[in-house]
Amino acid sequence: QTHLQLPPFSSGVFGTNEYLLAFDTSLTGANAGDFSDLVVLVESIRPVPVPGAAMLGVMGFGLVGLCRRRLN
């Protein structure tokens, strides 16, 4: 478990459905490598189901590509 403190929010345990994205633009100086230039917390991530027809279409295009490659 990771304890997380982001101002102005109260501290808490970093959840399994939360992602922390941090960027650092400072390559030199006192603040280099602190990754505090941009911090984004993404939470409540839910997977989006892929419809079966779309998956079959992708697989179909892949098979057509393999067949074309084999014929050439």
PDB file of N, CA and C in Angstrom:
ATOM      1  N   GLN A   1       0.842  -1.183   0.000  1.00  0.00           N
ATOM      2  CA  GLN A   1       0.000   0.000   0.000  1.00  0.00           C
ATOM      3  C   GLN A   1       0.883   1.241   0.000  1.00  0.00           C
ATOM      4  N   THR A   2       0.451   2.219  -0.733  1.00  0.00           N
ATOM      5  CA  THR A   2       1.180   3.478  -0.812  1.00  0.00           C
ATOM      6  C   THR A   2       0.335   4.582  -0.203  1.00  0.00           C
ATOM      7  N   HIS A   3       0.920   5.320   0.721  1.00  0.00           N
ATOM      8  CA  HIS A   3       0.245   6.440   1.362  1.00  0.00           C
ATOM      9  C   HIS A   3       0.453   7.670   0.481  1.00  0.00           C
ATOM     10  N   LEU A   4      -0.609   8.383   0.178  1.00  0.00           N
ATOM     11  CA  LEU A   4      -0.558   9.501  -0.763  1.00  0.00           C
ATOM     12  C   LEU A   4      -1.061  10.767  -0.109  1.00  0.00           C
ATOM     13  N   GLN A   5      -0.317  11.873  -0.294  1.00  0.00           N
ATOM     14  CA  GLN A   5      -0.722  13.184   0.209  1.00  0.00           C
ATOM     15  C   GLN A   5      -0.604  14.189  -0.933  1.00  0.00           C
ATOM     16  N   LEU A   6      -1.742  14.635  -1.452  1.00  0.00           N
ATOM     17  CA  LEU A   6      -1.769  15.659  -2.495  1.00  0.00           C
ATOM     18  C   LEU A   6      -2.531  16.868  -1.973  1.00  0.00           C
ATOM     19  N   PRO A   7      -1.863  18.004  -1.838  1.00  0.00           N
ATOM     20  CA  PRO A   7      -2.572  19.200  -1.380  1.00  0.00           C
ATOM     21  C   PRO A   7      -3.619  19.601  -2.406  1.00  0.00           C
ATOM     22  N   PRO A   8      -4.742  20.072  -2.073  1.00  0.00           N
ATOM     23  CA  PRO A   8      -5.301  20.383  -0.758  1.00  0.00           C
ATOM     24  C   PRO A   8      -6.108  19.233  -0.176  1.00  0.00           C
ATOM     25  N   PHE A   9      -5.977  18.008  -0.696  1.00  0.00           N
ATOM     26  CA  PHE A   9      -6.774  16.868  -0.242  1.00  0.00           C
ATOM     27  C   PHE A   9      -6.166  16.254   1.011  1.00  0.00           C
ATOM     28  N   SER A  10      -6.999  15.579   1.786  1.00  0.00           N
ATOM     29  CA  SER A  10      -6.485  14.882   2.959  1.00  0.00           C
ATOM     30  C   SER A  10      -5.734  13.628   2.506  1.00  0.00           C
ATOM     31  N   SER A  11      -4.787  13.203   3.309  1.00  0.00           N
ATOM     32  CA  SER A  11      -3.965  12.064   2.932  1.00  0.00           C
ATOM     33  C   SER A  11      -4.756  10.767   3.048  1.00  0.00           C
ATOM     34  N   GLY A  12      -4.320   9.761   2.311  1.00  0.00           N
ATOM     35  CA  GLY A  12      -4.994   8.474   2.335  1.00  0.00           C
ATOM     36  C   GLY A  12      -4.174   7.425   1.627  1.00  0.00           C
ATOM     37  N   VAL A  13      -4.703   6.221   1.574  1.00  0.00           N
ATOM     38  CA  VAL A  13      -4.018   5.104   0.928  1.00  0.00           C
ATOM     39  C   VAL A  13      -4.332   5.133  -0.562  1.00  0.00           C
ATOM     40  N   PHE A  14      -3.302   4.977  -1.363  1.00  0.00           N
ATOM     41  CA  PHE A  14      -3.413   4.963  -2.811  1.00  0.00           C
ATOM     42  C   PHE A  14      -4.105   3.669  -3.218  1.00  0.00           C
ATOM     43  N   GLY A  15      -5.264   3.781  -3.876  1.00  0.00           N
ATOM     44  CA  GLY A  15      -6.083   2.618  -4.219  1.00  0.00           C
ATOM     45  C   GLY A  15      -5.616   1.874  -5.452  1.00  0.00           C
ATOM     46  N   THR A  16      -6.173   0.682  -5.651  1.00  0.00           N
ATOM     47  CA  THR A  16      -5.795  -0.140  -6.797  1.00  0.00           C
ATOM     48  C   THR A  16      -6.402   0.367  -8.097  1.00  0.00           C
ATOM     49  N   ASN A  17      -7.458   1.171  -8.035  1.00  0.00           N
ATOM     50  CA  ASN A  17      -8.054   1.714  -9.255  1.00  0.00           C
ATOM     51  C   ASN A  17      -7.674   3.178  -9.459  1.00  0.00           C
ATOM     52  N   GLU A  18      -6.582   3.614  -8.857  1.00  0.00           N
ATOM     53  CA  GLU A  18      -6.103   4.985  -8.993  1.00  0.00           C
ATOM     54  C   GLU A  18      -4.712   4.973  -9.639  1.00  0.00           C
ATOM     55  N   TYR A  19      -4.481   5.933 -10.509  1.00  0.00           N
ATOM     56  CA  TYR A  19      -3.204   6.049 -11.201  1.00  0.00           C
ATOM     57  C   TYR A  19      -2.672   7.452 -10.994  1.00  0.00           C
ATOM     58  N   LEU A  20      -1.388   7.561 -10.727  1.00  0.00           N
ATOM     59  CA  LEU A  20      -0.736   8.842 -10.504  1.00  0.00           C
ATOM     60  C   LEU A  20       0.221   9.090 -11.652  1.00  0.00           C
ATOM     61  N   LEU A  21       0.006  10.188 -12.383  1.00  0.00           N
ATOM     62  CA  LEU A  21       0.878  10.586 -13.486  1.00  0.00           C
ATOM     63  C   LEU A  21       1.626  11.834 -13.051  1.00  0.00           C
ATOM     64  N   ALA A  22       2.957  11.793 -13.089  1.00  0.00           N
ATOM     65  CA  ALA A  22       3.766  12.933 -12.664  1.00  0.00           C
ATOM     66  C   ALA A  22       4.817  13.226 -13.723  1.00  0.00           C
ATOM     67  N   PHE A  23       5.016  14.509 -14.020  1.00  0.00           N
ATOM     68  CA  PHE A  23       5.971  14.936 -15.035  1.00  0.00           C
ATOM     69  C   PHE A  23       6.948  15.925 -14.432  1.00  0.00           C
ATOM     70  N   ASP A  24       8.153  15.933 -14.961  1.00  0.00           N
ATOM     71  CA  ASP A  24       9.181  16.862 -14.512  1.00  0.00           C
ATOM     72  C   ASP A  24       9.836  17.478 -15.737  1.00  0.00           C
ATOM     73  N   THR A  25       9.813  18.795 -15.815  1.00  0.00           N
ATOM     74  CA  THR A  25      10.433  19.486 -16.944  1.00  0.00           C
ATOM     75  C   THR A  25      11.796  20.048 -16.581  1.00  0.00           C
ATOM     76  N   SER A  26      12.185  19.986 -15.317  1.00  0.00           N
ATOM     77  CA  SER A  26      13.474  20.515 -14.883  1.00  0.00           C
ATOM     78  C   SER A  26      14.546  19.445 -15.029  1.00  0.00           C
ATOM     79  N   LEU A  27      15.511  19.691 -15.903  1.00  0.00           N
ATOM     80  CA  LEU A  27      16.597  18.742 -16.092  1.00  0.00           C
ATOM     81  C   LEU A  27      17.788  19.046 -15.195  1.00  0.00           C
ATOM     82  N   THR A  28      17.906  20.303 -14.783  1.00  0.00           N
ATOM     83  CA  THR A  28      19.014  20.703 -13.919  1.00  0.00           C
ATOM     84  C   THR A  28      18.479  21.594 -12.812  1.00  0.00           C
ATOM     85  N   GLY A  29      19.253  21.778 -11.792  1.00  0.00           N
ATOM     86  CA  GLY A  29      18.872  22.676 -10.707  1.00  0.00           C
ATOM     87  C   GLY A  29      18.349  21.931  -9.503  1.00  0.00           C
ATOM     88  N   ALA A  30      17.903  22.692  -8.527  1.00  0.00           N
ATOM     89  CA  ALA A  30      17.468  22.124  -7.250  1.00  0.00           C
ATOM     90  C   ALA A  30      16.200  21.294  -7.384  1.00  0.00           C
ATOM     91  N   ASN A  31      15.342  21.636  -8.337  1.00  0.00           N
ATOM     92  CA  ASN A  31      14.060  20.931  -8.479  1.00  0.00           C
ATOM     93  C   ASN A  31      14.088  19.814  -9.516  1.00  0.00           C
ATOM     94  N   ALA A  32      15.260  19.504 -10.048  1.00  0.00           N
ATOM     95  CA  ALA A  32      15.351  18.453 -11.067  1.00  0.00           C
ATOM     96  C   ALA A  32      15.058  17.093 -10.455  1.00  0.00           C
ATOM     97  N   GLY A  33      14.197  16.330 -11.118  1.00  0.00           N
ATOM     98  CA  GLY A  33      13.902  14.975 -10.683  1.00  0.00           C
ATOM     99  C   GLY A  33      12.876  14.853  -9.583  1.00  0.00           C
ATOM    100  N   ASP A  34      12.197  15.950  -9.225  1.00  0.00           N
ATOM    101  CA  ASP A  34      11.194  15.846  -8.156  1.00  0.00           C
ATOM    102  C   ASP A  34       9.805  15.512  -8.692  1.00  0.00           C
ATOM    103  N   PHE A  35       9.631  15.555 -10.003  1.00  0.00           N
ATOM    104  CA  PHE A  35       8.370  15.208 -10.665  1.00  0.00           C
ATOM    105  C   PHE A  35       7.174  15.950 -10.059  1.00  0.00           C
ATOM    106  N   SER A  36       7.351  17.209  -9.768  1.00  0.00           N
ATOM    107  CA  SER A  36       6.272  17.992  -9.180  1.00  0.00           C
ATOM    108  C   SER A  36       5.769  19.091 -10.112  1.00  0.00           C
ATOM    109  N   ASP A  37       6.230  19.110 -11.364  1.00  0.00           N
ATOM    110  CA  ASP A  37       5.781  20.141 -12.287  1.00  0.00           C
ATOM    111  C   ASP A  37       4.330  19.939 -12.706  1.00  0.00           C
ATOM    112  N   LEU A  38       3.926  18.689 -12.869  1.00  0.00           N
ATOM    113  CA  LEU A  38       2.538  18.366 -13.177  1.00  0.00           C
ATOM    114  C   LEU A  38       2.223  17.021 -12.545  1.00  0.00           C
ATOM    115  N   VAL A  39       1.231  17.002 -11.672  1.00  0.00           N
ATOM    116  CA  VAL A  39       0.821  15.765 -11.011  1.00  0.00           C
ATOM    117  C   VAL A  39      -0.679  15.603 -11.234  1.00  0.00           C
ATOM    118  N   VAL A  40      -1.075  14.452 -11.792  1.00  0.00           N
ATOM    119  CA  VAL A  40      -2.472  14.176 -12.093  1.00  0.00           C
ATOM    120  C   VAL A  40      -2.846  12.854 -11.434  1.00  0.00           C
ATOM    121  N   LEU A  41      -3.943  12.858 -10.682  1.00  0.00           N
ATOM    122  CA  LEU A  41      -4.461  11.637 -10.077  1.00  0.00           C
ATOM    123  C   LEU A  41      -5.709  11.229 -10.848  1.00  0.00           C
ATOM    124  N   VAL A  42      -5.671  10.031 -11.419  1.00  0.00           N
ATOM    125  CA  VAL A  42      -6.809   9.501 -12.161  1.00  0.00           C
ATOM    126  C   VAL A  42      -7.407   8.391 -11.324  1.00  0.00           C
ATOM    127  N   GLU A  43      -8.716   8.464 -11.097  1.00  0.00           N
ATOM    128  CA  GLU A  43      -9.363   7.470 -10.244  1.00  0.00           C
ATOM    129  C   GLU A  43     -10.640   6.949 -10.889  1.00  0.00           C
ATOM    130  N   SER A  44     -11.199   5.937 -10.286  1.00  0.00           N
ATOM    131  CA  SER A  44     -12.458   5.330 -10.732  1.00  0.00           C
ATOM    132  C   SER A  44     -12.358   4.817 -12.159  1.00  0.00           C
ATOM    133  N   ILE A  45     -11.276   4.132 -12.463  1.00  0.00           N
ATOM    134  CA  ILE A  45     -11.066   3.562 -13.788  1.00  0.00           C
ATOM    135  C   ILE A  45     -11.892   2.285 -13.911  1.00  0.00           C
ATOM    136  N   ARG A  46     -12.701   2.218 -14.958  1.00  0.00           N
ATOM    137  CA  ARG A  46     -13.490   1.017 -15.231  1.00  0.00           C
ATOM    138  C   ARG A  46     -13.219   0.580 -16.660  1.00  0.00           C
ATOM    139  N   PRO A  47     -12.983  -0.699 -16.893  1.00  0.00           N
ATOM    140  CA  PRO A  47     -12.742  -1.165 -18.260  1.00  0.00           C
ATOM    141  C   PRO A  47     -13.991  -1.028 -19.122  1.00  0.00           C
ATOM    142  N   VAL A  48     -13.769  -0.708 -20.380  1.00  0.00           N
ATOM    143  CA  VAL A  48     -14.865  -0.592 -21.342  1.00  0.00           C
ATOM    144  C   VAL A  48     -14.875  -1.872 -22.174  1.00  0.00           C
ATOM    145  N   PRO A  49     -15.968  -2.619 -22.155  1.00  0.00           N
ATOM    146  CA  PRO A  49     -15.996  -3.864 -22.920  1.00  0.00           C
ATOM    147  C   PRO A  49     -15.990  -3.602 -24.423  1.00  0.00           C
ATOM    148  N   VAL A  50     -15.256  -4.434 -25.147  1.00  0.00           N
ATOM    149  CA  VAL A  50     -15.207  -4.340 -26.602  1.00  0.00           C
ATOM    150  C   VAL A  50     -16.298  -5.244 -27.152  1.00  0.00           C
ATOM    151  N   PRO A  51     -17.172  -4.717 -27.995  1.00  0.00           N
ATOM    152  CA  PRO A  51     -18.220  -5.552 -28.566  1.00  0.00           C
ATOM    153  C   PRO A  51     -17.627  -6.710 -29.372  1.00  0.00           C
ATOM    154  N   GLY A  52     -18.296  -7.830 -29.327  1.00  0.00           N
ATOM    155  CA  GLY A  52     -17.822  -9.017 -30.029  1.00  0.00           C
ATOM    156  C   GLY A  52     -17.676  -8.809 -31.517  1.00  0.00           C
ATOM    157  N   ALA A  53     -18.589  -8.043 -32.120  1.00  0.00           N
ATOM    158  CA  ALA A  53     -18.520  -7.806 -33.562  1.00  0.00           C
ATOM    159  C   ALA A  53     -17.256  -7.032 -33.929  1.00  0.00           C
ATOM    160  N   ALA A  54     -16.864  -6.076 -33.099  1.00  0.00           N
ATOM    161  CA  ALA A  54     -15.648  -5.313 -33.375  1.00  0.00           C
ATOM    162  C   ALA A  54     -14.423  -6.215 -33.287  1.00  0.00           C
ATOM    163  N   MET A  55     -14.397  -7.109 -32.302  1.00  0.00           N
ATOM    164  CA  MET A  55     -13.270  -8.025 -32.151  1.00  0.00           C
ATOM    165  C   MET A  55     -13.180  -8.976 -33.338  1.00  0.00           C
ATOM    166  N   LEU A  56     -14.323  -9.467 -33.806  1.00  0.00           N
ATOM    167  CA  LEU A  56     -14.320 -10.340 -34.983  1.00  0.00           C
ATOM    168  C   LEU A  56     -13.830  -9.595 -36.217  1.00  0.00           C
ATOM    169  N   GLY A  57     -14.206  -8.329 -36.330  1.00  0.00           N
ATOM    170  CA  GLY A  57     -13.742  -7.518 -37.458  1.00  0.00           C
ATOM    171  C   GLY A  57     -12.232  -7.341 -37.447  1.00  0.00           C
ATOM    172  N   VAL A  58     -11.681  -7.090 -36.284  1.00  0.00           N
ATOM    173  CA  VAL A  58     -10.227  -6.930 -36.173  1.00  0.00           C
ATOM    174  C   VAL A  58      -9.527  -8.233 -36.526  1.00  0.00           C
ATOM    175  N   MET A  59     -10.054  -9.338 -36.028  1.00  0.00           N
ATOM    176  CA  MET A  59      -9.456 -10.638 -36.343  1.00  0.00           C
ATOM    177  C   MET A  59      -9.586 -10.948 -37.835  1.00  0.00           C
ATOM    178  N   GLY A  60     -10.714 -10.569 -38.438  1.00  0.00           N
ATOM    179  CA  GLY A  60     -10.914 -10.787 -39.866  1.00  0.00           C
ATOM    180  C   GLY A  60      -9.918 -10.014 -40.698  1.00  0.00           C
ATOM    181  N   PHE A  61      -9.681  -8.750 -40.356  1.00  0.00           N
ATOM    182  CA  PHE A  61      -8.698  -7.946 -41.088  1.00  0.00           C
ATOM    183  C   PHE A  61      -7.304  -8.547 -40.936  1.00  0.00           C
ATOM    184  N   GLY A  62      -7.001  -9.064 -39.756  1.00  0.00           N
ATOM    185  CA  GLY A  62      -5.706  -9.706 -39.548  1.00  0.00           C
ATOM    186  C   GLY A  62      -5.535 -10.934 -40.415  1.00  0.00           C
ATOM    187  N   LEU A  63      -6.584 -11.763 -40.523  1.00  0.00           N
ATOM    188  CA  LEU A  63      -6.513 -12.946 -41.372  1.00  0.00           C
ATOM    189  C   LEU A  63      -6.376 -12.592 -42.845  1.00  0.00           C
ATOM    190  N   VAL A  64      -7.091 -11.554 -43.279  1.00  0.00           N
ATOM    191  CA  VAL A  64      -6.970 -11.105 -44.669  1.00  0.00           C
ATOM    192  C   VAL A  64      -5.547 -10.640 -44.939  1.00  0.00           C
ATOM    193  N   GLY A  65      -4.964  -9.905 -43.990  1.00  0.00           N
ATOM    194  CA  GLY A  65      -3.582  -9.443 -44.159  1.00  0.00           C
ATOM    195  C   GLY A  65      -2.600 -10.600 -44.239  1.00  0.00           C
ATOM    196  N   LEU A  66      -2.802 -11.622 -43.404  1.00  0.00           N
ATOM    197  CA  LEU A  66      -1.920 -12.790 -43.453  1.00  0.00           C
ATOM    198  C   LEU A  66      -2.051 -13.530 -44.769  1.00  0.00           C
ATOM    199  N   CYS A  67      -3.280 -13.683 -45.258  1.00  0.00           N
ATOM    200  CA  CYS A  67      -3.501 -14.380 -46.527  1.00  0.00           C
ATOM    201  C   CYS A  67      -2.870 -13.612 -47.685  1.00  0.00           C
ATOM    202  N   ARG A  68      -3.019 -12.318 -47.702  1.00  0.00           N
ATOM    203  CA  ARG A  68      -2.440 -11.509 -48.780  1.00  0.00           C
ATOM    204  C   ARG A  68      -0.925 -11.606 -48.769  1.00  0.00           C
ATOM    205  N   ARG A  69      -0.364 -11.582 -47.548  1.00  0.00           N
ATOM    206  CA  ARG A  69       1.093 -11.650 -47.432  1.00  0.00           C
ATOM    207  C   ARG A  69       1.599 -13.009 -47.935  1.00  0.00           C
ATOM    208  N   ARG A  70       0.859 -14.054 -47.634  1.00  0.00           N
ATOM    209  CA  ARG A  70       1.262 -15.410 -48.019  1.00  0.00           C
ATOM    210  C   ARG A  70       1.177 -15.595 -49.541  1.00  0.00           C
ATOM    211  N   LEU A  71       0.201 -14.941 -50.188  1.00  0.00           N
ATOM    212  CA  LEU A  71       0.028 -15.067 -51.625  1.00  0.00           C
ATOM    213  C   LEU A  71       1.085 -14.298 -52.398  1.00  0.00           C
ATOM    214  N   ASN A  72       1.633 -13.269 -51.799  1.00  0.00           N
ATOM    215  CA  ASN A  72       2.641 -12.434 -52.510  1.00  0.00           C
ATOM    216  C   ASN A  72       3.969 -13.039 -52.468  1.00  0.00           C
TER     217      ASN A  72
END
